[in-house]
Protein backbone atom coordinates (compact mmCIF):
# COMPACT_ATOMS: atom_id res chain seq x y z
CA MET A 1 13.08 12.77 -15.47
CA SER A 2 14.35 9.23 -15.59
CA ASN A 3 17.06 8.18 -18.16
CA ARG A 4 14.78 5.48 -19.20
CA LEU A 5 12.09 8.00 -20.17
CA TYR A 6 14.53 10.12 -22.08
CA GLN A 7 15.80 7.04 -24.01
CA THR A 8 12.23 6.10 -24.95
CA VAL A 9 11.55 9.56 -26.34
CA LEU A 10 14.78 9.58 -28.40
CA HIS A 11 14.13 6.15 -29.70
CA GLN A 12 10.79 7.32 -31.01
CA MET A 13 12.25 10.48 -32.61
CA LYS A 14 15.50 9.07 -34.22
CA ASP A 15 13.82 7.98 -37.55
CA VAL A 16 12.06 11.32 -37.91
CA ILE A 17 15.25 13.43 -37.37
CA GLY A 18 17.47 10.99 -39.33
CA ARG A 19 20.54 11.83 -37.28
CA THR A 20 22.16 10.75 -34.03
CA ILE A 21 20.55 12.62 -31.09
CA GLY A 22 21.22 12.42 -27.46
CA ILE A 23 21.12 14.04 -23.99
CA ILE A 24 23.95 14.81 -21.55
CA ASP A 25 23.15 15.20 -17.84
CA GLU A 26 24.32 17.85 -15.37
CA ASN A 27 27.53 15.76 -14.72
CA GLY A 28 28.58 15.75 -18.43
CA ILE A 29 27.62 12.13 -19.06
CA ILE A 30 25.49 10.96 -21.96
CA ILE A 31 22.48 9.39 -20.33
CA ALA A 32 20.40 8.74 -23.45
CA CYS A 33 21.23 8.51 -27.13
CA SER A 34 19.79 7.08 -30.35
CA GLU A 35 23.23 5.46 -30.80
CA LEU A 36 23.38 3.21 -27.83
CA SER A 37 27.15 2.75 -27.76
CA LYS A 38 27.61 6.44 -26.82
CA ILE A 39 25.60 6.07 -23.58
CA GLY A 40 27.98 6.59 -20.65
CA GLU A 41 30.59 8.71 -22.56
CA SER A 42 31.85 11.79 -20.76
CA LYS A 43 31.24 15.18 -22.44
CA GLN A 44 32.31 17.52 -19.64
CA ARG A 45 34.14 19.71 -22.14
CA ILE A 46 30.79 20.52 -23.80
CA ARG A 47 29.40 21.85 -20.54
CA GLU A 48 32.41 24.10 -20.22
CA GLU A 49 31.92 25.43 -23.83
CA LEU A 50 28.17 25.99 -23.38
CA SER A 51 28.74 27.90 -20.10
CA TYR A 52 30.17 30.75 -22.12
CA SER A 53 27.40 30.72 -24.70
CA ALA A 54 23.63 31.55 -24.47
CA ASP A 55 22.94 29.75 -27.81
CA ALA A 56 24.31 26.55 -29.31
CA VAL A 57 27.77 25.19 -29.58
CA ILE A 58 29.17 23.16 -32.54
CA TYR A 59 31.88 20.79 -31.44
CA GLU A 60 33.47 17.81 -33.17
CA GLY A 61 30.64 17.33 -35.61
CA TYR A 62 27.69 17.84 -33.22
CA THR A 63 25.41 20.73 -32.33
CA TYR A 64 24.83 21.09 -28.61
CA ARG A 65 22.14 23.18 -26.77
CA TYR A 66 20.79 23.52 -23.30
CA ILE A 67 17.35 21.96 -22.85
CA ASN A 68 16.59 24.97 -20.68
CA ALA A 69 18.84 27.96 -21.51
CA SER A 70 18.03 29.73 -18.28
CA GLU A 71 19.31 26.80 -16.23
CA LYS A 72 23.09 26.34 -16.72
CA ASN A 73 23.00 23.16 -14.58
CA ASP A 74 20.26 21.58 -16.71
CA CYS A 75 20.66 18.82 -19.27
CA ILE A 76 22.08 19.35 -22.77
CA CYS A 77 20.66 17.82 -26.02
CA PHE A 78 22.68 17.31 -29.10
CA VAL A 79 22.20 16.57 -32.76
CA GLU A 80 24.66 15.06 -35.22
CA GLY A 81 26.01 17.75 -37.68
CA GLY A 82 27.17 21.31 -37.60
CA ASP A 83 24.92 22.66 -40.39
CA SER A 84 21.85 24.89 -40.07
CA HIS A 85 19.55 21.82 -40.20
CA ALA A 86 21.32 20.39 -37.19
CA GLY A 87 20.97 23.78 -35.42
CA SER A 88 17.22 23.80 -36.18
CA MET A 89 16.75 20.22 -35.08
CA ALA A 90 18.73 20.88 -31.84
CA GLU A 91 16.49 23.87 -31.10
CA LEU A 92 13.29 21.91 -31.73
CA LEU A 93 14.63 19.06 -29.64
CA ALA A 94 15.50 21.40 -26.76
CA ILE A 95 11.96 23.00 -26.81
CA PHE A 96 10.28 19.64 -26.91
CA LEU A 97 12.28 18.09 -24.11
CA GLY A 98 12.12 21.30 -22.03
CA ASN A 99 8.34 21.34 -22.23
CA MET A 100 8.12 17.62 -21.53
CA LYS A 101 10.43 17.97 -18.52
CA SER A 102 8.40 20.82 -17.21
CA LEU A 103 5.15 18.85 -17.42
CA TYR A 104 6.88 15.82 -15.85
CA ASP A 105 8.25 17.91 -12.92
CA GLU A 106 4.81 19.35 -12.31
CA LYS A 107 3.33 15.94 -12.18
CA TYR A 108 6.25 14.79 -9.96
CA ASP A 109 5.37 17.58 -7.53
CA LYS A 110 1.80 16.40 -7.50
CA GLY A 111 3.06 12.83 -6.95
CA SER A 112 5.14 13.92 -3.94
CA PHE A 113 2.13 15.74 -2.55
CA ILE A 114 -0.04 12.61 -2.90
CA LYS A 115 2.71 10.47 -1.33
CA SER A 116 2.69 12.83 1.73
CA ILE A 117 -1.07 12.39 2.02
CA LEU A 118 -0.84 8.51 1.72
CA LEU A 119 1.82 8.30 4.44
CA ASP A 120 0.02 10.81 6.69
CA ASN A 121 2.95 13.19 6.52
CA ILE A 122 0.94 16.38 6.00
CA LEU A 123 -1.54 18.16 8.17
CA PRO A 124 -5.17 18.12 7.02
CA SER A 125 -5.27 21.88 6.96
CA ASP A 126 -2.24 22.00 4.63
CA ILE A 127 -3.77 19.55 2.18
CA TYR A 128 -6.29 22.12 0.92
CA ILE A 129 -3.67 24.89 0.71
CA LYS A 130 -1.15 22.72 -1.19
CA SER A 131 -3.78 21.36 -3.56
CA ASN A 132 -4.70 24.90 -4.58
CA GLU A 133 -1.01 25.72 -5.17
CA LEU A 134 -0.67 22.72 -7.49
CA HIS A 135 -4.04 23.33 -9.19
CA PHE A 136 -5.01 19.87 -7.94
CA SER A 137 -8.69 18.93 -7.78
CA ASN A 138 -9.61 18.23 -4.18
CA ASP A 139 -13.06 16.58 -4.52
CA GLU A 140 -12.66 14.02 -7.32
CA HIS A 141 -13.40 10.33 -6.60
CA ARG A 142 -10.23 8.30 -6.33
CA ILE A 143 -9.19 4.76 -5.55
CA VAL A 144 -5.91 3.35 -4.26
CA PHE A 145 -4.10 0.28 -5.55
CA VAL A 146 -1.16 -1.11 -3.54
CA ILE A 147 1.04 -3.40 -5.71
CA LYS A 148 3.21 -5.70 -3.82
CA PHE A 149 5.88 -7.40 -6.01
CA GLN A 150 6.63 -11.08 -5.13
CA SER A 151 9.72 -11.23 -7.39
CA VAL A 152 12.33 -8.81 -8.65
CA SER A 153 13.90 -7.81 -11.87
CA GLY A 154 16.60 -5.43 -13.14
CA ILE A 155 13.94 -2.68 -13.74
CA PRO A 156 12.66 -0.78 -10.65
CA PRO A 157 8.99 -1.74 -9.87
CA TYR A 158 8.03 1.95 -10.11
CA GLU A 159 9.24 2.22 -13.73
CA LEU A 160 7.49 -1.06 -14.61
CA ILE A 161 4.10 0.14 -13.39
CA GLN A 162 4.59 3.63 -14.94
CA GLU A 163 5.28 1.93 -18.28
CA ILE A 164 2.17 -0.27 -18.01
CA ILE A 165 -0.35 2.49 -17.11
CA GLY A 166 1.23 5.16 -19.40
CA SER A 167 0.99 8.89 -18.94
CA SER A 168 -2.23 10.25 -17.57
CA ASP A 169 -3.24 13.37 -15.70
CA LYS A 170 -5.66 11.30 -13.66
CA ASP A 171 -3.36 8.43 -12.61
CA TYR A 172 -0.35 8.78 -10.28
CA VAL A 173 2.23 6.11 -9.57
CA ILE A 174 3.86 6.50 -6.18
CA ASN A 175 7.09 4.68 -5.25
CA ILE A 176 6.63 3.45 -1.55
CA SER A 177 9.47 1.04 -1.13
CA GLU A 178 11.65 -1.38 -3.15
CA GLN A 179 8.83 -3.88 -3.54
CA ASP A 180 5.64 -1.67 -3.06
CA VAL A 181 4.20 0.67 -5.54
CA VAL A 182 0.94 2.66 -5.27
CA ILE A 183 -1.42 3.77 -8.03
CA VAL A 184 -3.89 6.54 -7.20
CA ARG A 185 -6.48 6.50 -9.87
CA GLU A 186 -9.36 8.98 -10.49
CA VAL A 187 -12.63 7.26 -11.15
CA ALA A 188 -16.31 7.98 -11.59
CA SER A 189 -18.42 7.93 -8.50
CA ASP A 190 -20.42 4.98 -9.75
CA THR A 191 -17.36 2.87 -10.62
CA ASP A 192 -18.02 -0.87 -10.03
CA SER A 193 -15.50 -2.79 -7.85
CA LYS A 194 -15.47 -5.52 -10.46
CA ASP A 195 -14.21 -3.00 -13.04
CA MET A 196 -11.38 -2.04 -10.67
CA GLU A 197 -10.49 -5.66 -10.00
CA SER A 198 -10.42 -6.28 -13.80
CA TYR A 199 -8.05 -3.31 -14.14
CA ALA A 200 -5.74 -4.76 -11.37
CA ARG A 201 -5.70 -8.21 -12.97
CA SER A 202 -4.65 -6.68 -16.32
CA ILE A 203 -1.65 -5.13 -14.59
CA ILE A 204 -0.72 -8.45 -13.01
CA ASP A 205 -1.16 -10.25 -16.35
CA THR A 206 1.05 -7.73 -18.11
CA LEU A 207 3.78 -8.04 -15.44
CA ALA A 208 3.75 -11.83 -15.92
CA ALA A 209 3.56 -11.82 -19.74
CA LYS A 210 6.23 -9.11 -20.42
CA HIS A 211 8.58 -9.46 -17.47
CA GLY A 212 7.90 -12.80 -15.82
CA LEU A 213 7.09 -11.18 -12.55
CA LYS A 214 4.49 -11.94 -9.88
CA ALA A 215 2.58 -9.38 -7.91
CA LEU A 216 -0.36 -8.99 -5.58
CA ILE A 217 -2.70 -6.01 -5.56
CA GLY A 218 -4.84 -4.66 -2.70
CA ILE A 219 -7.65 -2.32 -3.67
CA SER A 220 -9.22 0.37 -1.41
CA SER A 221 -12.83 1.67 -1.41
CA ILE A 222 -13.53 4.83 -3.34
CA VAL A 223 -12.89 8.12 -1.48
CA ASP A 224 -14.25 11.50 -2.58
CA ASN A 225 -11.64 13.81 -0.94
CA LEU A 226 -7.84 14.07 -1.00
CA LYS A 227 -7.58 13.92 2.80
CA ASP A 228 -9.16 10.52 2.70
CA LEU A 229 -6.46 8.96 0.58
CA ALA A 230 -4.52 8.10 3.78
CA ARG A 231 -7.53 6.02 4.85
CA ALA A 232 -7.83 4.40 1.37
CA TYR A 233 -4.11 3.49 1.48
CA LYS A 234 -4.59 1.74 4.79
CA GLU A 235 -7.59 -0.13 3.47
CA ALA A 236 -5.57 -1.43 0.57
CA ARG A 237 -2.78 -2.58 2.88
CA ILE A 238 -5.41 -4.20 5.21
CA ALA A 239 -6.69 -6.11 2.23
CA PHE A 240 -3.42 -7.95 2.00
CA GLU A 241 -3.34 -8.84 5.71
CA VAL A 242 -7.05 -9.99 5.86
CA GLY A 243 -6.52 -12.08 2.74
CA LYS A 244 -3.40 -13.65 4.29
CA VAL A 245 -5.19 -14.50 7.51
CA PHE A 246 -8.29 -16.00 5.99
CA ASP A 247 -6.59 -17.77 3.08
CA ILE A 248 -7.95 -15.66 0.29
CA GLU A 249 -5.68 -17.08 -2.34
CA LYS A 250 -6.29 -14.40 -5.02
CA PRO A 251 -3.73 -12.07 -6.62
CA VAL A 252 -6.21 -9.15 -6.41
CA ILE A 253 -7.99 -8.46 -3.09
CA SER A 254 -10.51 -5.72 -2.72
CA TYR A 255 -11.20 -4.14 0.68
CA GLU A 256 -14.86 -3.98 -0.06
CA ASN A 257 -15.13 -7.73 -0.78
CA LEU A 258 -13.38 -8.94 2.40
CA GLY A 259 -16.71 -9.75 4.02
CA ILE A 260 -16.88 -10.69 7.67
CA GLY A 261 -13.09 -11.04 7.78
CA ARG A 262 -12.80 -7.29 7.64
CA LEU A 263 -14.98 -6.95 10.73
CA ILE A 264 -13.01 -9.61 12.68
CA TYR A 265 -9.75 -7.85 11.76
CA GLN A 266 -10.96 -4.71 13.53
CA LEU A 267 -11.84 -6.48 16.80
CA PRO A 268 -9.51 -6.44 19.75
CA THR A 269 -7.91 -9.76 20.59
CA THR A 270 -9.34 -9.85 24.13
CA LEU A 271 -12.87 -9.71 22.71
CA CYS A 272 -12.05 -12.44 20.23
CA GLU A 273 -10.72 -14.68 23.07
CA MET A 274 -13.76 -14.05 25.08
CA PHE A 275 -16.05 -14.96 22.17
CA LEU A 276 -14.17 -18.30 21.56
CA SER A 277 -14.36 -19.19 25.27
CA GLU A 278 -18.20 -18.64 25.22
CA VAL A 279 -18.73 -20.64 22.09
CA PHE A 280 -16.58 -23.63 23.21
CA LYS A 281 -17.64 -23.77 26.86
CA LYS A 282 -17.68 -27.60 26.78
CA GLY A 283 -14.33 -28.19 25.22
CA SER A 284 -11.57 -26.78 23.01
CA LEU A 285 -11.63 -26.18 19.22
CA GLU A 286 -8.21 -27.92 19.14
CA SER A 287 -10.02 -31.21 20.19
CA LEU A 288 -11.57 -31.39 16.72
CA ASP A 289 -9.46 -33.49 14.33
CA ARG A 290 -8.47 -32.34 10.78
CA GLU A 291 -10.94 -34.69 9.14
CA THR A 292 -13.84 -33.22 11.13
CA LEU A 293 -12.78 -29.58 10.27
CA MET A 294 -12.54 -30.49 6.52
CA THR A 295 -15.98 -31.99 6.71
CA VAL A 296 -17.27 -28.70 8.21
CA GLN A 297 -15.61 -26.67 5.50
CA SER A 298 -17.22 -28.79 2.85
CA PHE A 299 -20.62 -28.58 4.60
CA PHE A 300 -20.43 -24.74 4.45
CA GLU A 301 -19.32 -24.79 0.78
CA ASN A 302 -22.41 -26.88 0.01
CA ASN A 303 -24.85 -24.52 1.69
CA LEU A 304 -25.45 -26.78 4.76
CA ASN A 305 -26.87 -29.52 2.55
CA VAL A 306 -26.25 -32.91 4.15
CA SER A 307 -26.87 -35.11 1.03
CA GLU A 308 -24.84 -32.93 -1.26
CA THR A 309 -21.89 -32.77 1.19
CA SER A 310 -21.83 -36.54 1.79
CA ARG A 311 -21.84 -37.02 -1.97
CA LYS A 312 -18.86 -34.61 -2.50
CA LEU A 313 -16.92 -36.18 0.36
CA PHE A 314 -17.74 -39.74 -0.83
CA VAL A 315 -18.93 -40.65 2.70
CA HIS A 316 -22.17 -42.19 3.92
CA ARG A 317 -24.83 -39.70 5.09
CA ASN A 318 -24.77 -41.31 8.56
CA THR A 319 -21.04 -40.73 8.76
CA LEU A 320 -21.49 -37.02 8.06
CA VAL A 321 -24.27 -36.74 10.60
CA TYR A 322 -22.00 -38.44 13.22
CA ARG A 323 -19.30 -35.87 12.60
CA LEU A 324 -21.76 -33.02 12.93
CA GLU A 325 -23.07 -34.47 16.20
CA LYS A 326 -19.50 -34.56 17.45
CA ILE A 327 -19.33 -30.75 16.98
CA ARG A 328 -22.67 -30.32 18.57
CA LYS A 329 -21.59 -32.10 21.72
CA LEU A 330 -18.43 -30.01 21.90
CA SER A 331 -19.96 -26.56 21.29
CA GLY A 332 -23.68 -27.03 21.63
CA LEU A 333 -24.04 -25.79 18.03
CA ASP A 334 -26.03 -27.85 15.48
CA LEU A 335 -24.52 -26.82 12.14
CA ARG A 336 -27.63 -27.94 10.35
CA GLU A 337 -29.30 -24.82 11.78
CA PHE A 338 -28.37 -21.66 9.94
CA ASP A 339 -27.80 -19.48 13.03
CA HIS A 340 -25.59 -22.11 14.66
CA ALA A 341 -23.64 -22.55 11.50
CA VAL A 342 -23.02 -18.81 11.27
CA THR A 343 -21.75 -18.73 14.81
CA PHE A 344 -19.40 -21.63 14.23
CA LYS A 345 -18.11 -20.23 10.98
CA VAL A 346 -17.26 -16.94 12.72
CA ALA A 347 -15.63 -18.84 15.58
CA LEU A 348 -13.35 -20.66 13.11
CA MET A 349 -12.35 -17.36 11.49
CA VAL A 350 -11.71 -15.70 14.86
CA LYS A 351 -9.48 -18.58 15.78
CA LYS A 352 -7.56 -18.29 12.57
CA TYR A 353 -7.25 -14.58 13.12
CA LEU A 354 -5.82 -14.99 16.64
CA SER A 355 -3.32 -17.62 15.39
CA ASN A 356 -1.92 -15.34 12.70
CA LYS A 357 -1.86 -12.15 14.80
CA PRO A 358 -1.62 -9.80 11.76
CA THR A 359 0.18 -6.46 11.85
CA LYS A 360 -2.27 -3.53 12.06
CA TYR A 361 -1.67 -0.55 9.78
């Protein structure tokens, strides 16, 4: 368990117990204490004293006890005082922390198992066997969130996310790298993608409000089997890349909402280059000036409506028609016709895709 988690528990318990309480790690160092000034002190002598005792040790006004008596290398808890009340409190604290650590370790094992699946480091045949050993449900519906931190703080990203989502048997926080954290969340089969995007935005808002940190979140589609988590992880990562290529300026990007950009991303570059050469037989896309391309973008945003587009751009209708004619002469595509407009829109996206050359996952 992390020192931060131990400290949180002791902070919550100190007023109830009414005495100084703390935890000593396997190296004899106080790693958590209700009296903050004691954190970092060496108590190696206590470990030596306890190694000869199966019960508790009273030393210099404190009662010490192993959190797990069967493990002599485990942590030690202590309570201020050498009276019977201190002894009882130390025993209760040891039982509570021991059970909590046991549950945490079990969840950690499950977390390591999920990480192996995400990174494709386990054989499909072994997934079923391992899930049974860990009493892990194999057929629940799950979704993967990849959180990419854009800024750093003194607290590791993994701990920040764990703190935000809290403790749950259905949510697992996986540490992937210094800046990337994954949440594997169990959901209902009919979960709406908008609900998942709202959940992701709440995480981003909390990180900004509490810690002043910026992050992006990619969301996978829902999978209904543990072995498909690797695919879901790739989908969430792809969401970042496709969003970057096609200028989807959103902090939350869902794989299912990538639209045609997702399809283009899967195409081989040779096929994309062939498509562009066929569309622009009469000239090059580069021959179109920036003003014309901005006009096209506005034309698409206004549903191919000439009057509305000219009004939004503050240009005369004839000026807009002239620019559209310029494109027709270059490509043979009249953007006032829906099918031609779709072809040109795809061509622009393909060109942008080729220019960015994203990394495939």
